């Protein structure tokens, strides 16, 4: 059992009021689950994925699932994506840069900002 400063069985102060007095969010009171351990089959798959990642770092979950199926490991794309997340393998690709103006671009002021339309 985890010890906290908040007593859920307090006769006069509710949990909400105790959290207000301590300046703590109530969502911090919940016990977080420990990360799930991988099964033996998933550990072997993770090893194969890591090996494949060394040669093809641009592969995401879909291509990685295809590569694993060619090697005899059959799992859904979502399972492969979950294992990739747990092993911290992420596809390397160029991310979109839509918010950055191109160099030397003219910045135009917004003329209707303070006007009511």
N, C-alpha and C. Protein backbone atom coordinates (compact mmCIF):
# COMPACT_ATOMS: atom_id res chain seq x y z
N UNK A 1 0.83 -1.18 0.00
CA UNK A 1 0.00 0.00 0.00
C UNK A 1 0.88 1.24 0.00
N UNK A 2 0.50 2.21 -0.79
CA UNK A 2 1.27 3.43 -0.93
C UNK A 2 0.85 4.46 0.10
N UNK A 3 1.81 5.09 0.76
CA UNK A 3 1.49 6.11 1.75
C UNK A 3 1.40 7.47 1.07
N UNK A 4 0.35 8.20 1.40
CA UNK A 4 0.20 9.56 0.91
C UNK A 4 -0.21 10.45 2.06
N UNK A 5 -0.14 11.73 1.82
CA UNK A 5 -0.56 12.69 2.84
C UNK A 5 -2.07 12.84 2.87
N UNK A 6 -2.75 12.34 1.84
CA UNK A 6 -4.20 12.44 1.75
C UNK A 6 -4.81 11.18 2.36
N UNK A 7 -5.70 11.38 3.31
CA UNK A 7 -6.38 10.27 3.97
C UNK A 7 -7.78 10.14 3.36
N UNK A 8 -8.00 9.07 2.61
CA UNK A 8 -9.29 8.91 1.94
C UNK A 8 -10.42 8.59 2.90
N UNK A 9 -10.11 8.11 4.08
CA UNK A 9 -11.13 7.74 5.05
C UNK A 9 -11.28 8.79 6.15
N UNK A 10 -10.86 10.00 5.90
CA UNK A 10 -10.94 11.05 6.92
C UNK A 10 -12.41 11.40 7.17
N UNK A 11 -12.82 11.49 8.46
CA UNK A 11 -14.24 11.70 8.74
C UNK A 11 -14.76 13.11 8.42
N UNK A 12 -13.90 14.14 8.46
CA UNK A 12 -14.39 15.51 8.26
C UNK A 12 -13.95 16.14 6.95
N UNK A 13 -12.77 15.81 6.45
CA UNK A 13 -12.26 16.44 5.23
C UNK A 13 -12.39 15.49 4.04
N UNK A 14 -12.99 16.00 3.01
CA UNK A 14 -13.09 15.18 1.80
C UNK A 14 -11.74 15.14 1.10
N UNK A 15 -11.60 14.22 0.18
CA UNK A 15 -10.36 14.10 -0.58
C UNK A 15 -10.12 15.37 -1.39
N UNK A 16 -11.19 15.91 -1.95
CA UNK A 16 -11.07 17.14 -2.75
C UNK A 16 -10.52 18.28 -1.90
N UNK A 17 -11.06 18.45 -0.69
CA UNK A 17 -10.62 19.54 0.18
C UNK A 17 -9.18 19.32 0.64
N UNK A 18 -8.81 18.10 0.94
CA UNK A 18 -7.43 17.82 1.34
C UNK A 18 -6.47 18.16 0.22
N UNK A 19 -6.85 17.82 -1.01
CA UNK A 19 -5.99 18.13 -2.15
C UNK A 19 -5.88 19.63 -2.37
N UNK A 20 -6.99 20.35 -2.13
CA UNK A 20 -6.94 21.81 -2.25
C UNK A 20 -5.99 22.41 -1.22
N UNK A 21 -6.06 21.91 0.00
CA UNK A 21 -5.20 22.43 1.06
C UNK A 21 -3.73 22.12 0.82
N UNK A 22 -3.46 20.96 0.22
CA UNK A 22 -2.07 20.57 -0.06
C UNK A 22 -1.57 21.08 -1.41
N UNK A 23 -2.47 21.68 -2.19
CA UNK A 23 -2.15 22.16 -3.55
C UNK A 23 -1.63 21.01 -4.41
N UNK A 24 -2.39 19.90 -4.39
CA UNK A 24 -2.04 18.70 -5.16
C UNK A 24 -3.23 18.37 -6.06
N UNK A 25 -2.95 17.97 -7.29
CA UNK A 25 -4.02 17.52 -8.17
C UNK A 25 -4.50 16.16 -7.72
N UNK A 26 -5.82 15.95 -7.82
CA UNK A 26 -6.37 14.66 -7.38
C UNK A 26 -5.95 13.52 -8.29
N UNK A 27 -5.65 13.81 -9.55
CA UNK A 27 -5.25 12.73 -10.45
C UNK A 27 -3.89 12.15 -10.08
N UNK A 28 -3.14 12.82 -9.22
CA UNK A 28 -1.84 12.31 -8.78
C UNK A 28 -1.97 11.26 -7.69
N UNK A 29 -3.18 11.06 -7.17
CA UNK A 29 -3.38 10.10 -6.10
C UNK A 29 -3.46 8.67 -6.60
N UNK A 30 -3.82 8.49 -7.87
CA UNK A 30 -3.96 7.14 -8.40
C UNK A 30 -2.61 6.47 -8.53
N UNK A 31 -2.58 5.21 -8.25
CA UNK A 31 -1.35 4.44 -8.36
C UNK A 31 -1.14 4.11 -9.83
N UNK A 32 0.02 4.42 -10.33
CA UNK A 32 0.32 4.13 -11.73
C UNK A 32 0.76 2.69 -11.88
N UNK A 33 0.28 2.08 -12.96
CA UNK A 33 0.65 0.68 -13.21
C UNK A 33 2.09 0.58 -13.68
N UNK A 34 2.73 -0.47 -13.28
CA UNK A 34 4.10 -0.72 -13.75
C UNK A 34 4.04 -1.13 -15.21
N UNK A 35 5.04 -0.79 -16.00
CA UNK A 35 5.02 -1.19 -17.40
C UNK A 35 4.96 -2.71 -17.55
N UNK A 36 4.21 -3.14 -18.53
CA UNK A 36 4.02 -4.57 -18.76
C UNK A 36 5.31 -5.16 -19.31
N UNK A 37 5.66 -6.35 -18.85
CA UNK A 37 6.86 -7.03 -19.34
C UNK A 37 6.54 -7.75 -20.63
N UNK A 38 7.52 -7.89 -21.49
CA UNK A 38 7.34 -8.58 -22.76
C UNK A 38 7.38 -10.09 -22.57
N UNK A 39 6.59 -10.79 -23.37
CA UNK A 39 6.64 -12.25 -23.38
C UNK A 39 7.91 -12.70 -24.11
N UNK A 40 8.24 -13.99 -24.00
CA UNK A 40 9.45 -14.51 -24.65
C UNK A 40 9.42 -14.28 -26.15
N UNK A 41 8.26 -14.56 -26.78
CA UNK A 41 8.12 -14.38 -28.22
C UNK A 41 8.33 -12.91 -28.60
N UNK A 42 7.82 -12.00 -27.76
CA UNK A 42 7.96 -10.58 -28.05
C UNK A 42 9.40 -10.12 -27.87
N UNK A 43 10.13 -10.73 -26.94
CA UNK A 43 11.54 -10.37 -26.75
C UNK A 43 12.35 -10.78 -27.98
N UNK A 44 12.05 -11.97 -28.52
CA UNK A 44 12.75 -12.42 -29.73
C UNK A 44 12.40 -11.50 -30.89
N UNK A 45 11.10 -11.12 -30.99
CA UNK A 45 10.69 -10.19 -32.04
C UNK A 45 11.37 -8.84 -31.88
N UNK A 46 11.50 -8.37 -30.65
CA UNK A 46 12.15 -7.09 -30.40
C UNK A 46 13.62 -7.14 -30.82
N UNK A 47 14.26 -8.28 -30.59
CA UNK A 47 15.66 -8.44 -31.02
C UNK A 47 15.75 -8.38 -32.55
N UNK A 48 14.84 -9.07 -33.23
CA UNK A 48 14.83 -9.04 -34.71
C UNK A 48 14.53 -7.63 -35.21
N UNK A 49 13.61 -6.94 -34.54
CA UNK A 49 13.28 -5.58 -34.94
C UNK A 49 14.48 -4.66 -34.77
N UNK A 50 15.21 -4.85 -33.70
CA UNK A 50 16.40 -4.03 -33.46
C UNK A 50 17.45 -4.28 -34.53
N UNK A 51 17.61 -5.55 -34.91
CA UNK A 51 18.56 -5.89 -35.98
C UNK A 51 18.13 -5.26 -37.30
N UNK A 52 16.84 -5.36 -37.60
CA UNK A 52 16.30 -4.77 -38.82
C UNK A 52 16.44 -3.24 -38.78
N UNK A 53 16.25 -2.65 -37.60
CA UNK A 53 16.33 -1.20 -37.45
C UNK A 53 17.74 -0.69 -37.73
N UNK A 54 18.75 -1.51 -37.43
CA UNK A 54 20.12 -1.10 -37.70
C UNK A 54 20.38 -0.94 -39.20
N UNK A 55 19.71 -1.77 -40.01
CA UNK A 55 19.89 -1.69 -41.46
C UNK A 55 18.90 -0.72 -42.11
N UNK A 56 17.69 -0.63 -41.58
CA UNK A 56 16.65 0.20 -42.17
C UNK A 56 15.99 1.06 -41.08
N UNK A 57 16.63 2.15 -40.65
CA UNK A 57 16.05 2.96 -39.57
C UNK A 57 14.80 3.74 -39.99
N UNK A 58 14.50 3.77 -41.28
CA UNK A 58 13.32 4.50 -41.74
C UNK A 58 12.05 3.67 -41.71
N UNK A 59 12.14 2.39 -41.34
CA UNK A 59 10.97 1.52 -41.31
C UNK A 59 10.09 1.85 -40.11
N UNK A 60 8.79 2.00 -40.39
CA UNK A 60 7.81 2.18 -39.34
C UNK A 60 7.19 0.83 -38.98
N UNK A 61 6.06 0.87 -38.30
CA UNK A 61 5.43 -0.36 -37.82
C UNK A 61 4.93 -1.22 -38.99
N UNK A 62 4.42 -0.60 -40.05
CA UNK A 62 3.88 -1.36 -41.16
C UNK A 62 4.97 -2.15 -41.90
N UNK A 63 6.04 -1.45 -42.23
CA UNK A 63 7.13 -2.14 -42.94
C UNK A 63 7.84 -3.13 -42.03
N UNK A 64 7.97 -2.76 -40.76
CA UNK A 64 8.62 -3.65 -39.81
C UNK A 64 7.80 -4.94 -39.67
N UNK A 65 6.48 -4.82 -39.69
CA UNK A 65 5.61 -5.99 -39.59
C UNK A 65 5.79 -6.88 -40.83
N UNK A 66 5.92 -6.27 -42.00
CA UNK A 66 6.17 -7.04 -43.22
C UNK A 66 7.51 -7.75 -43.16
N UNK A 67 8.54 -7.04 -42.70
CA UNK A 67 9.87 -7.63 -42.59
C UNK A 67 9.86 -8.81 -41.62
N UNK A 68 9.16 -8.64 -40.49
CA UNK A 68 9.08 -9.72 -39.51
C UNK A 68 8.31 -10.92 -40.06
N UNK A 69 7.25 -10.66 -40.85
CA UNK A 69 6.48 -11.77 -41.40
C UNK A 69 7.31 -12.55 -42.42
N UNK A 70 8.22 -11.88 -43.13
CA UNK A 70 9.11 -12.59 -44.06
C UNK A 70 10.11 -13.47 -43.31
N UNK A 71 10.41 -13.07 -42.07
CA UNK A 71 11.35 -13.85 -41.26
C UNK A 71 10.65 -14.91 -40.42
N UNK A 72 9.32 -14.99 -40.51
CA UNK A 72 8.59 -16.04 -39.81
C UNK A 72 7.92 -15.62 -38.51
N UNK A 73 7.94 -14.33 -38.20
CA UNK A 73 7.27 -13.83 -37.00
C UNK A 73 5.95 -13.19 -37.43
N UNK A 74 4.85 -13.73 -36.95
CA UNK A 74 3.55 -13.22 -37.35
C UNK A 74 2.90 -12.49 -36.19
N UNK A 75 2.67 -11.20 -36.38
CA UNK A 75 2.02 -10.36 -35.38
C UNK A 75 1.31 -9.24 -36.11
N UNK A 76 0.33 -8.66 -35.48
CA UNK A 76 -0.40 -7.56 -36.09
C UNK A 76 0.46 -6.30 -36.09
N UNK A 77 0.06 -5.36 -36.90
CA UNK A 77 0.79 -4.09 -36.98
C UNK A 77 0.75 -3.37 -35.64
N UNK A 78 -0.37 -3.45 -34.95
CA UNK A 78 -0.49 -2.76 -33.66
C UNK A 78 0.41 -3.39 -32.61
N UNK A 79 0.55 -4.71 -32.66
CA UNK A 79 1.46 -5.38 -31.73
C UNK A 79 2.89 -4.95 -32.02
N UNK A 80 3.24 -4.89 -33.29
CA UNK A 80 4.59 -4.45 -33.68
C UNK A 80 4.81 -3.01 -33.23
N UNK A 81 3.80 -2.15 -33.40
CA UNK A 81 3.93 -0.75 -32.98
C UNK A 81 4.11 -0.66 -31.46
N UNK A 82 3.38 -1.47 -30.71
CA UNK A 82 3.50 -1.46 -29.25
C UNK A 82 4.90 -1.88 -28.82
N UNK A 83 5.41 -2.96 -29.44
CA UNK A 83 6.75 -3.43 -29.09
C UNK A 83 7.79 -2.38 -29.47
N UNK A 84 7.59 -1.72 -30.62
CA UNK A 84 8.52 -0.66 -31.02
C UNK A 84 8.53 0.47 -29.99
N UNK A 85 7.35 0.82 -29.49
CA UNK A 85 7.27 1.86 -28.46
C UNK A 85 7.99 1.44 -27.19
N UNK A 86 7.78 0.19 -26.77
CA UNK A 86 8.37 -0.27 -25.51
C UNK A 86 9.88 -0.42 -25.61
N UNK A 87 10.39 -0.72 -26.81
CA UNK A 87 11.83 -0.89 -27.01
C UNK A 87 12.48 0.43 -27.43
N UNK A 88 11.66 1.48 -27.62
CA UNK A 88 12.11 2.82 -28.02
C UNK A 88 12.75 2.81 -29.40
N UNK A 89 12.10 2.11 -30.34
CA UNK A 89 12.52 2.13 -31.74
C UNK A 89 11.51 2.98 -32.49
N UNK A 90 12.00 4.03 -33.14
CA UNK A 90 11.12 4.95 -33.86
C UNK A 90 11.67 5.18 -35.26
N UNK A 91 10.77 5.20 -36.23
CA UNK A 91 11.19 5.41 -37.61
C UNK A 91 11.80 6.80 -37.77
N UNK A 92 12.88 6.86 -38.52
CA UNK A 92 13.54 8.13 -38.79
C UNK A 92 13.08 8.60 -40.15
N UNK A 93 12.43 9.75 -40.18
CA UNK A 93 11.98 10.32 -41.44
C UNK A 93 11.92 11.84 -41.27
N UNK A 94 11.83 12.51 -42.36
CA UNK A 94 11.79 13.96 -42.33
C UNK A 94 10.41 14.42 -41.87
N UNK A 95 10.36 15.16 -40.79
CA UNK A 95 9.11 15.65 -40.24
C UNK A 95 8.65 16.89 -41.01
N UNK A 96 7.36 17.13 -41.10
CA UNK A 96 6.89 18.34 -41.80
C UNK A 96 7.29 19.61 -41.06
N UNK A 97 7.68 20.62 -41.82
CA UNK A 97 8.08 21.90 -41.22
C UNK A 97 7.15 22.98 -41.75
N UNK A 98 5.88 22.87 -41.44
CA UNK A 98 4.88 23.77 -42.01
C UNK A 98 4.84 25.11 -41.31
N UNK A 99 5.31 25.22 -40.10
CA UNK A 99 5.23 26.47 -39.33
C UNK A 99 6.43 27.38 -39.54
N UNK A 100 7.44 26.93 -40.24
CA UNK A 100 8.63 27.75 -40.41
C UNK A 100 8.58 28.45 -41.76
N UNK A 101 8.70 29.78 -41.77
CA UNK A 101 8.71 30.49 -43.04
C UNK A 101 10.02 30.23 -43.78
N UNK A 102 9.96 30.30 -45.09
CA UNK A 102 11.20 30.10 -45.84
C UNK A 102 12.09 31.32 -45.66
N UNK A 103 13.38 31.16 -45.81
CA UNK A 103 14.32 32.27 -45.58
C UNK A 103 14.04 33.43 -46.54
N UNK A 104 13.99 34.63 -45.99
CA UNK A 104 13.78 35.82 -46.80
C UNK A 104 12.33 36.09 -47.14
N UNK A 105 11.39 35.34 -46.60
CA UNK A 105 9.98 35.56 -46.90
C UNK A 105 9.50 36.82 -46.21
N UNK A 106 8.64 37.57 -46.91
CA UNK A 106 8.12 38.81 -46.35
C UNK A 106 6.98 38.49 -45.39
N UNK A 107 7.00 39.13 -44.23
CA UNK A 107 5.96 38.92 -43.24
C UNK A 107 4.96 40.06 -43.36
N UNK A 108 3.70 39.71 -43.62
CA UNK A 108 2.67 40.72 -43.80
C UNK A 108 1.89 40.92 -42.50
N UNK A 109 1.62 42.17 -42.12
CA UNK A 109 0.84 42.40 -40.90
C UNK A 109 -0.63 42.09 -41.14
N UNK A 110 -1.32 41.70 -40.08
CA UNK A 110 -2.76 41.43 -40.16
C UNK A 110 -3.48 42.73 -39.84
N UNK A 111 -4.10 43.35 -40.84
CA UNK A 111 -4.64 44.69 -40.70
C UNK A 111 -6.00 44.74 -40.00
N UNK A 112 -6.69 43.62 -39.90
CA UNK A 112 -8.03 43.62 -39.31
C UNK A 112 -8.02 43.18 -37.84
N UNK A 113 -6.88 43.17 -37.20
CA UNK A 113 -6.77 42.62 -35.86
C UNK A 113 -7.66 43.35 -34.85
N UNK A 114 -7.66 44.68 -34.85
CA UNK A 114 -8.39 45.45 -33.83
C UNK A 114 -9.74 45.96 -34.33
N UNK A 115 -10.17 45.53 -35.45
CA UNK A 115 -11.44 46.01 -36.00
C UNK A 115 -12.54 44.97 -35.78
N UNK A 116 -13.73 45.45 -35.52
CA UNK A 116 -14.89 44.55 -35.42
C UNK A 116 -15.46 44.35 -36.81
N UNK A 117 -15.73 43.15 -37.15
CA UNK A 117 -16.27 42.86 -38.49
C UNK A 117 -17.71 42.42 -38.36
